[in-house]
Amino acid sequence: MSKEDPLFAKGKAQWLLENARKLSPDQRALLLAIVDLDVASGHPLTPEERAALDELTVQSEGYDASEIQQAMKHMVEAQTKRKVVEWPKDLKRKTQPKK
């Protein structure tokens, strides 16, 4: 997605504004996290998108963008707890050309 592309498909910001309560708390939090990431990368919001997200934020109790960012950073930077084992060399998928 480029900065010029709309954040939501046409009409979806209005749908979200009207139906934010129908989403589960997890769905709202995930949507807000994705939008936060997109906005942080420089995507501008239209007034309709901003209104929809404001309504979504009001509906999302306990949403903390920094908590999600910390979890993502941990997932990316964490060291493995066990040795990563390579596949056995003799384990190869054989594909036969179709005749």
N, C-alpha and C. Protein backbone atom coordinates (compact mmCIF):
# COMPACT_ATOMS: atom_id res chain seq x y z
N MET A 1 0.85 -1.16 0.00
CA MET A 1 0.00 0.00 0.00
C MET A 1 0.90 1.23 0.00
N SER A 2 0.62 2.18 -0.86
CA SER A 2 1.39 3.41 -0.90
C SER A 2 0.69 4.47 -0.08
N LYS A 3 1.40 5.56 0.17
CA LYS A 3 0.81 6.66 0.95
C LYS A 3 -0.39 7.27 0.26
N GLU A 4 -0.45 7.15 -1.05
CA GLU A 4 -1.55 7.74 -1.81
C GLU A 4 -2.81 6.86 -1.82
N ASP A 5 -2.65 5.57 -1.56
CA ASP A 5 -3.79 4.66 -1.55
C ASP A 5 -4.69 4.96 -0.36
N PRO A 6 -5.99 4.81 -0.52
CA PRO A 6 -6.88 5.02 0.64
C PRO A 6 -6.65 3.93 1.68
N LEU A 7 -6.80 4.30 2.94
CA LEU A 7 -6.59 3.35 4.02
C LEU A 7 -7.68 2.29 4.02
N PHE A 8 -8.92 2.71 3.82
CA PHE A 8 -10.05 1.81 3.77
C PHE A 8 -10.60 1.75 2.35
N ALA A 9 -11.21 0.63 2.01
CA ALA A 9 -11.91 0.54 0.73
C ALA A 9 -13.05 1.54 0.76
N LYS A 10 -13.47 1.95 -0.41
CA LYS A 10 -14.52 2.96 -0.51
C LYS A 10 -15.76 2.53 0.29
N GLY A 11 -16.23 3.40 1.16
CA GLY A 11 -17.42 3.14 1.95
C GLY A 11 -17.16 2.41 3.26
N LYS A 12 -15.96 1.85 3.46
CA LYS A 12 -15.69 1.07 4.67
C LYS A 12 -15.51 1.95 5.90
N ALA A 13 -14.98 3.17 5.74
CA ALA A 13 -14.86 4.06 6.89
C ALA A 13 -16.24 4.40 7.42
N GLN A 14 -17.18 4.65 6.54
CA GLN A 14 -18.55 4.94 6.95
C GLN A 14 -19.18 3.72 7.61
N TRP A 15 -18.95 2.53 7.05
CA TRP A 15 -19.45 1.30 7.64
C TRP A 15 -18.90 1.13 9.05
N LEU A 16 -17.60 1.39 9.21
CA LEU A 16 -16.97 1.25 10.52
C LEU A 16 -17.56 2.25 11.51
N LEU A 17 -17.80 3.45 11.05
CA LEU A 17 -18.40 4.47 11.91
C LEU A 17 -19.75 4.01 12.44
N GLU A 18 -20.51 3.34 11.61
CA GLU A 18 -21.85 2.89 11.99
C GLU A 18 -21.86 1.55 12.72
N ASN A 19 -20.81 0.73 12.54
CA ASN A 19 -20.84 -0.65 13.05
C ASN A 19 -19.69 -1.02 13.97
N ALA A 20 -18.98 -0.06 14.51
CA ALA A 20 -17.82 -0.37 15.37
C ALA A 20 -18.20 -1.25 16.55
N ARG A 21 -19.40 -1.08 17.07
CA ARG A 21 -19.84 -1.87 18.23
C ARG A 21 -20.02 -3.35 17.89
N LYS A 22 -20.21 -3.68 16.63
CA LYS A 22 -20.44 -5.07 16.23
C LYS A 22 -19.14 -5.88 16.21
N LEU A 23 -18.00 -5.21 16.18
CA LEU A 23 -16.72 -5.91 16.16
C LEU A 23 -16.37 -6.38 17.57
N SER A 24 -15.64 -7.48 17.64
CA SER A 24 -15.19 -7.96 18.94
C SER A 24 -14.07 -7.04 19.44
N PRO A 25 -13.78 -7.05 20.74
CA PRO A 25 -12.68 -6.22 21.25
C PRO A 25 -11.34 -6.54 20.57
N ASP A 26 -11.11 -7.81 20.29
CA ASP A 26 -9.86 -8.19 19.61
C ASP A 26 -9.82 -7.65 18.19
N GLN A 27 -10.95 -7.69 17.50
CA GLN A 27 -10.99 -7.15 16.14
C GLN A 27 -10.75 -5.65 16.14
N ARG A 28 -11.34 -4.95 17.10
CA ARG A 28 -11.12 -3.50 17.19
C ARG A 28 -9.67 -3.19 17.48
N ALA A 29 -9.06 -3.91 18.42
CA ALA A 29 -7.66 -3.67 18.78
C ALA A 29 -6.74 -3.95 17.60
N LEU A 30 -6.99 -5.04 16.87
CA LEU A 30 -6.17 -5.36 15.72
C LEU A 30 -6.29 -4.31 14.63
N LEU A 31 -7.51 -3.86 14.37
CA LEU A 31 -7.72 -2.83 13.37
C LEU A 31 -7.01 -1.54 13.76
N LEU A 32 -7.10 -1.16 15.03
CA LEU A 32 -6.42 0.04 15.49
C LEU A 32 -4.90 -0.10 15.38
N ALA A 33 -4.38 -1.27 15.69
CA ALA A 33 -2.94 -1.49 15.60
C ALA A 33 -2.46 -1.37 14.15
N ILE A 34 -3.22 -1.92 13.23
CA ILE A 34 -2.86 -1.83 11.80
C ILE A 34 -2.91 -0.39 11.33
N VAL A 35 -3.94 0.34 11.75
CA VAL A 35 -4.07 1.74 11.35
C VAL A 35 -2.96 2.56 11.97
N ASP A 36 -2.62 2.32 13.24
CA ASP A 36 -1.52 3.04 13.87
C ASP A 36 -0.22 2.84 13.11
N LEU A 37 0.04 1.63 12.69
CA LEU A 37 1.24 1.33 11.91
C LEU A 37 1.23 2.07 10.58
N ASP A 38 0.08 2.06 9.92
CA ASP A 38 -0.04 2.73 8.63
C ASP A 38 0.15 4.24 8.77
N VAL A 39 -0.46 4.83 9.80
CA VAL A 39 -0.33 6.27 10.02
C VAL A 39 1.11 6.60 10.39
N ALA A 40 1.76 5.77 11.21
CA ALA A 40 3.16 6.00 11.59
C ALA A 40 4.09 5.94 10.38
N SER A 41 3.69 5.19 9.36
CA SER A 41 4.53 5.11 8.16
C SER A 41 4.25 6.23 7.18
N GLY A 42 3.35 7.16 7.57
CA GLY A 42 3.16 8.35 6.76
C GLY A 42 1.86 8.43 5.98
N HIS A 43 0.94 7.51 6.19
CA HIS A 43 -0.32 7.53 5.46
C HIS A 43 -1.25 8.57 6.07
N PRO A 44 -1.70 9.55 5.29
CA PRO A 44 -2.63 10.55 5.84
C PRO A 44 -4.05 9.98 5.93
N LEU A 45 -4.80 10.44 6.91
CA LEU A 45 -6.18 10.01 7.09
C LEU A 45 -7.13 11.07 6.55
N THR A 46 -8.19 10.60 5.92
CA THR A 46 -9.24 11.52 5.49
C THR A 46 -10.09 11.86 6.73
N PRO A 47 -10.87 12.92 6.67
CA PRO A 47 -11.75 13.23 7.81
C PRO A 47 -12.71 12.08 8.14
N GLU A 48 -13.22 11.40 7.12
CA GLU A 48 -14.12 10.27 7.36
C GLU A 48 -13.39 9.12 8.06
N GLU A 49 -12.16 8.83 7.63
CA GLU A 49 -11.37 7.78 8.27
C GLU A 49 -11.06 8.16 9.72
N ARG A 50 -10.70 9.42 9.94
CA ARG A 50 -10.39 9.89 11.30
C ARG A 50 -11.62 9.74 12.20
N ALA A 51 -12.79 10.10 11.73
CA ALA A 51 -14.02 9.98 12.52
C ALA A 51 -14.30 8.52 12.85
N ALA A 52 -14.13 7.64 11.88
CA ALA A 52 -14.36 6.22 12.11
C ALA A 52 -13.38 5.66 13.14
N LEU A 53 -12.13 6.07 13.06
CA LEU A 53 -11.13 5.57 13.99
C LEU A 53 -11.33 6.15 15.39
N ASP A 54 -11.78 7.39 15.46
CA ASP A 54 -12.09 7.97 16.77
C ASP A 54 -13.21 7.19 17.44
N GLU A 55 -14.24 6.83 16.68
CA GLU A 55 -15.33 6.04 17.22
C GLU A 55 -14.84 4.66 17.65
N LEU A 56 -13.97 4.07 16.86
CA LEU A 56 -13.41 2.76 17.18
C LEU A 56 -12.58 2.84 18.46
N THR A 57 -11.83 3.91 18.62
CA THR A 57 -11.01 4.09 19.82
C THR A 57 -11.88 4.20 21.06
N VAL A 58 -12.99 4.94 20.95
CA VAL A 58 -13.92 5.08 22.07
C VAL A 58 -14.46 3.71 22.49
N GLN A 59 -14.70 2.84 21.50
CA GLN A 59 -15.26 1.52 21.76
C GLN A 59 -14.22 0.53 22.28
N SER A 60 -12.94 0.86 22.16
CA SER A 60 -11.87 -0.08 22.51
C SER A 60 -11.31 0.25 23.89
N GLU A 61 -11.87 -0.36 24.90
CA GLU A 61 -11.39 -0.15 26.26
C GLU A 61 -10.07 -0.87 26.44
N GLY A 62 -9.13 -0.20 27.06
CA GLY A 62 -7.86 -0.83 27.38
C GLY A 62 -6.90 -0.97 26.21
N TYR A 63 -7.21 -0.38 25.06
CA TYR A 63 -6.31 -0.49 23.91
C TYR A 63 -5.07 0.35 24.18
N ASP A 64 -3.92 -0.26 24.00
CA ASP A 64 -2.66 0.43 24.21
C ASP A 64 -1.74 0.11 23.04
N ALA A 65 -1.55 1.08 22.16
CA ALA A 65 -0.73 0.87 20.97
C ALA A 65 0.71 0.52 21.35
N SER A 66 1.24 1.12 22.41
CA SER A 66 2.63 0.84 22.79
C SER A 66 2.80 -0.60 23.25
N GLU A 67 1.76 -1.18 23.86
CA GLU A 67 1.83 -2.58 24.28
C GLU A 67 1.96 -3.50 23.06
N ILE A 68 1.21 -3.21 22.02
CA ILE A 68 1.29 -4.01 20.79
C ILE A 68 2.64 -3.80 20.11
N GLN A 69 3.13 -2.57 20.10
CA GLN A 69 4.43 -2.30 19.49
C GLN A 69 5.55 -3.03 20.23
N GLN A 70 5.48 -3.06 21.57
CA GLN A 70 6.49 -3.78 22.35
C GLN A 70 6.44 -5.28 22.07
N ALA A 71 5.24 -5.82 21.95
CA ALA A 71 5.10 -7.25 21.65
C ALA A 71 5.68 -7.58 20.29
N MET A 72 5.41 -6.72 19.29
CA MET A 72 5.95 -6.96 17.94
C MET A 72 7.47 -6.87 17.96
N LYS A 73 8.01 -5.89 18.66
CA LYS A 73 9.47 -5.73 18.75
C LYS A 73 10.09 -6.97 19.39
N HIS A 74 9.45 -7.47 20.44
CA HIS A 74 9.95 -8.68 21.11
C HIS A 74 9.95 -9.87 20.16
N MET A 75 8.87 -10.04 19.39
CA MET A 75 8.78 -11.16 18.46
C MET A 75 9.88 -11.09 17.41
N VAL A 76 10.22 -9.91 16.97
CA VAL A 76 11.22 -9.75 15.92
C VAL A 76 12.63 -9.93 16.47
N GLU A 77 12.89 -9.40 17.66
CA GLU A 77 14.25 -9.36 18.18
C GLU A 77 14.61 -10.48 19.15
N ALA A 78 13.65 -11.25 19.62
CA ALA A 78 13.92 -12.27 20.63
C ALA A 78 14.83 -13.37 20.09
N GLN A 79 15.68 -13.84 20.96
CA GLN A 79 16.56 -14.94 20.61
C GLN A 79 15.80 -16.26 20.81
N THR A 80 16.15 -17.26 20.01
CA THR A 80 15.50 -18.55 20.16
C THR A 80 15.94 -19.21 21.46
N LYS A 81 15.06 -20.01 22.05
CA LYS A 81 15.37 -20.69 23.30
C LYS A 81 15.98 -22.07 23.06
N ARG A 82 15.82 -22.57 21.85
CA ARG A 82 16.40 -23.87 21.53
C ARG A 82 17.08 -23.77 20.18
N LYS A 83 17.98 -24.69 19.96
CA LYS A 83 18.72 -24.70 18.71
C LYS A 83 17.77 -24.99 17.55
N VAL A 84 17.94 -24.25 16.49
CA VAL A 84 17.14 -24.47 15.29
C VAL A 84 17.78 -25.63 14.53
N VAL A 85 17.00 -26.64 14.28
CA VAL A 85 17.50 -27.84 13.64
C VAL A 85 17.25 -27.76 12.14
N GLU A 86 18.25 -28.12 11.36
CA GLU A 86 18.09 -28.13 9.92
C GLU A 86 17.42 -29.43 9.49
N TRP A 87 16.75 -29.37 8.35
CA TRP A 87 16.12 -30.56 7.80
C TRP A 87 17.19 -31.56 7.38
N PRO A 88 16.92 -32.85 7.54
CA PRO A 88 17.89 -33.86 7.07
C PRO A 88 18.14 -33.71 5.57
N LYS A 89 19.39 -33.91 5.18
CA LYS A 89 19.77 -33.72 3.78
C LYS A 89 19.08 -34.70 2.85
N ASP A 90 18.77 -35.90 3.33
CA ASP A 90 18.15 -36.89 2.46
C ASP A 90 16.63 -36.71 2.35
N LEU A 91 16.09 -35.74 3.06
CA LEU A 91 14.66 -35.47 2.99
C LEU A 91 14.40 -34.42 1.92
N LYS A 92 14.10 -34.90 0.74
CA LYS A 92 13.84 -34.01 -0.38
C LYS A 92 12.54 -34.42 -1.03
N ARG A 93 11.81 -33.44 -1.43
CA ARG A 93 10.57 -33.75 -2.13
C ARG A 93 10.90 -33.99 -3.59
N LYS A 94 10.56 -35.16 -4.05
CA LYS A 94 10.84 -35.49 -5.43
C LYS A 94 9.61 -35.16 -6.27
N THR A 95 9.85 -34.43 -7.29
CA THR A 95 8.76 -34.12 -8.21
C THR A 95 9.09 -34.74 -9.54
N GLN A 96 8.15 -35.40 -10.08
CA GLN A 96 8.32 -36.03 -11.38
C GLN A 96 7.66 -35.15 -12.44
N PRO A 97 8.34 -34.93 -13.53
CA PRO A 97 7.69 -34.15 -14.59
C PRO A 97 6.50 -34.94 -15.15
N LYS A 98 5.43 -34.23 -15.35
CA LYS A 98 4.24 -34.89 -15.89
C LYS A 98 4.41 -35.15 -17.38
N LYS A 99 3.96 -36.34 -17.79
CA LYS A 99 4.10 -36.72 -19.19
C LYS A 99 2.86 -36.43 -19.96
